[in-house]
């Protein structure tokens, strides 16, 4: 039996039940007829499990795993109240390990890491006065020793004082 790979899922706060495609000698197997699915740890960010149990003409059990990654971060504001600095603020996401903030100093430039934090604000310093800075942020969750990232926030820009 061949089982399709399960892609990362985005945290929603609800139980996630991604579908599974299974084939045997090019024949598509049907959920409820040839196998049944049981989901475990599928409501929080982290590693979730699908237990596949054969029924009817099929027997045996197999476990599949999928990752529930953080949702898209909402960047609330980017302000410059002091000379050569910008302060980014975003909405907190419960259950994440932290956030990574990125910035660039020109519309066509490449992003640089401004810093990582567990707070919901970060000050970017040593910027050029009167320049425009573009900022984005994303949350991450440490799963099995690796950082799994959510989607980037929308980009906000600010004119630096």
Protein backbone atom coordinates (compact mmCIF):
# COMPACT_ATOMS: atom_id res chain seq x y z
CA UNK A 1 0.00 0.00 0.00
CA UNK A 2 1.31 3.45 -0.94
CA UNK A 3 0.33 6.39 1.25
CA UNK A 4 0.53 10.05 0.20
CA UNK A 5 2.71 12.42 2.19
CA UNK A 6 0.84 14.83 4.44
CA UNK A 7 1.94 18.46 4.05
CA UNK A 8 2.29 20.85 6.98
CA UNK A 9 -0.99 22.21 8.26
CA UNK A 10 -1.60 25.70 9.66
CA UNK A 11 -2.91 26.05 13.21
CA UNK A 12 -6.55 27.14 13.36
CA UNK A 13 -7.51 26.34 16.96
CA UNK A 14 -9.72 23.49 15.71
CA UNK A 15 -8.97 19.81 15.15
CA UNK A 16 -7.14 19.37 11.84
CA UNK A 17 -7.97 16.26 9.80
CA UNK A 18 -6.02 16.25 6.55
CA UNK A 19 -7.13 13.65 4.03
CA UNK A 20 -4.99 10.66 3.19
CA UNK A 21 -4.65 9.15 -0.29
CA UNK A 22 -3.85 5.45 -0.37
CA UNK A 23 -3.32 3.12 -3.32
CA UNK A 24 -2.69 -0.58 -3.71
CA UNK A 25 -1.41 -1.72 -7.14
CA UNK A 26 -2.74 1.56 -8.68
CA UNK A 27 -6.19 0.96 -7.11
CA UNK A 28 -7.44 3.89 -5.00
CA UNK A 29 -8.45 2.75 -1.53
CA UNK A 30 -11.47 4.35 0.15
CA UNK A 31 -11.70 5.76 3.65
CA UNK A 32 -14.48 3.94 5.51
CA UNK A 33 -14.41 0.97 3.11
CA UNK A 34 -10.76 -0.11 2.99
CA UNK A 35 -9.37 1.77 5.99
CA UNK A 36 -10.32 4.12 8.80
CA UNK A 37 -8.43 7.08 10.20
CA UNK A 38 -7.87 8.14 13.80
CA UNK A 39 -6.28 11.51 14.58
CA UNK A 40 -4.17 12.25 17.66
CA UNK A 41 -2.68 15.53 18.98
CA UNK A 42 -4.24 17.40 16.06
CA UNK A 43 -5.54 20.55 17.78
CA UNK A 44 -2.34 22.31 18.94
CA UNK A 45 0.83 23.41 17.18
CA UNK A 46 3.35 20.60 17.01
CA UNK A 47 3.54 17.05 15.72
CA UNK A 48 0.20 15.33 15.08
CA UNK A 49 -0.50 11.68 14.30
CA UNK A 50 -2.84 9.86 11.93
CA UNK A 51 -3.39 6.19 12.72
CA UNK A 52 -4.51 4.24 9.64
CA UNK A 53 -6.28 0.94 10.36
CA UNK A 54 -7.07 -1.46 7.55
CA UNK A 55 -10.64 -2.80 7.32
CA UNK A 56 -12.48 -5.14 4.95
CA UNK A 57 -9.94 -6.77 2.62
CA UNK A 58 -7.07 -4.85 4.26
CA UNK A 59 -5.46 -5.37 7.64
CA UNK A 60 -2.71 -3.76 9.65
CA UNK A 61 -2.00 -0.40 11.21
CA UNK A 62 0.26 2.42 10.10
CA UNK A 63 1.07 5.78 11.64
CA UNK A 64 1.61 8.99 9.68
CA UNK A 65 2.80 12.25 11.15
CA UNK A 66 2.17 15.82 10.14
CA UNK A 67 3.23 19.17 11.52
CA UNK A 68 0.83 21.87 12.68
CA UNK A 69 2.70 25.12 12.10
CA UNK A 70 1.99 28.57 13.57
CA UNK A 71 -0.57 30.78 11.83
CA UNK A 72 0.31 33.97 9.93
CA UNK A 73 1.49 36.70 12.28
CA UNK A 74 -0.40 40.00 12.29
CA UNK A 75 2.00 42.96 12.29
CA UNK A 76 0.09 45.75 14.06
CA UNK A 77 2.41 48.69 13.53
CA UNK A 78 5.88 49.93 12.68
CA UNK A 79 6.74 53.35 14.11
CA UNK A 80 9.79 55.57 14.24
CA UNK A 81 9.67 57.89 17.25
CA UNK A 82 13.44 58.14 17.87
CA UNK A 83 16.24 58.96 15.47
CA UNK A 84 17.60 56.02 13.45
CA UNK A 85 15.21 53.43 14.98
CA UNK A 86 11.95 51.68 14.11
CA UNK A 87 9.74 49.75 16.52
CA UNK A 88 7.67 46.83 15.22
CA UNK A 89 4.66 45.58 17.20
CA UNK A 90 2.53 42.51 16.43
CA UNK A 91 -0.28 40.44 17.90
CA UNK A 92 0.65 37.64 20.28
CA UNK A 93 0.08 34.04 19.20
CA UNK A 94 -0.48 31.63 22.07
CA UNK A 95 1.71 28.54 22.07
CA UNK A 96 4.56 29.72 19.82
CA UNK A 97 8.23 29.54 20.81
CA UNK A 98 9.03 33.02 19.50
CA UNK A 99 9.07 35.46 16.61
CA UNK A 100 11.62 36.51 13.99
CA UNK A 101 11.55 40.04 12.62
CA UNK A 102 12.99 40.94 9.20
CA UNK A 103 13.58 44.30 7.54
CA UNK A 104 14.92 45.81 4.35
CA UNK A 105 15.95 49.37 3.59
CA UNK A 106 14.82 49.60 -0.02
CA UNK A 107 11.78 48.38 -1.90
CA UNK A 108 13.86 46.05 -4.10
CA UNK A 109 16.42 45.11 -1.41
CA UNK A 110 16.69 41.79 0.37
CA UNK A 111 15.44 41.18 3.90
CA UNK A 112 17.81 40.94 6.85
CA UNK A 113 17.05 39.41 10.24
CA UNK A 114 16.49 42.23 12.73
CA UNK A 115 16.23 39.81 15.64
CA UNK A 116 14.37 37.01 17.36
CA UNK A 117 12.27 37.50 20.48
CA UNK A 118 9.57 35.96 22.63
CA UNK A 119 7.96 39.38 23.13
CA UNK A 120 5.52 41.12 20.77
CA UNK A 121 7.71 44.12 20.02
CA UNK A 122 11.22 44.66 18.65
CA UNK A 123 13.30 47.79 18.12
CA UNK A 124 15.39 47.92 14.96
CA UNK A 125 18.31 50.33 15.41
CA UNK A 126 21.26 51.75 13.44
CA UNK A 127 19.00 52.72 10.54
CA UNK A 128 19.61 55.70 8.25
CA UNK A 129 17.64 58.84 9.05
CA UNK A 130 14.96 59.78 6.51
CA UNK A 131 15.11 56.32 4.90
CA UNK A 132 12.11 54.03 4.45
CA UNK A 133 12.21 50.66 6.18
CA UNK A 134 10.03 47.66 5.25
CA UNK A 135 9.28 45.19 8.06
CA UNK A 136 7.71 41.74 8.31
CA UNK A 137 7.52 39.17 11.10
CA UNK A 138 6.72 35.48 11.49
CA UNK A 139 6.18 33.17 14.42
CA UNK A 140 7.97 29.88 14.99
CA UNK A 141 7.44 26.79 17.09
CA UNK A 142 10.24 24.43 18.07
CA UNK A 143 9.14 20.91 17.07
CA UNK A 144 11.47 17.91 17.45
CA UNK A 145 14.41 20.28 17.91
CA UNK A 146 13.73 22.27 14.72
CA UNK A 147 12.05 25.63 14.23
CA UNK A 148 8.86 25.37 12.18
CA UNK A 149 7.77 28.74 10.81
CA UNK A 150 4.37 30.23 10.17
CA UNK A 151 3.60 32.54 7.27
CA UNK A 152 5.10 36.02 7.17
CA UNK A 153 2.96 38.95 8.21
CA UNK A 154 1.97 41.56 5.70
CA UNK A 155 4.79 44.07 5.16
CA UNK A 156 4.53 47.48 6.79
CA UNK A 157 6.79 50.42 6.02
CA UNK A 158 7.86 53.48 7.98
CA UNK A 159 9.92 56.61 7.32
CA UNK A 160 12.79 56.64 9.84
CA UNK A 161 13.33 59.83 11.90
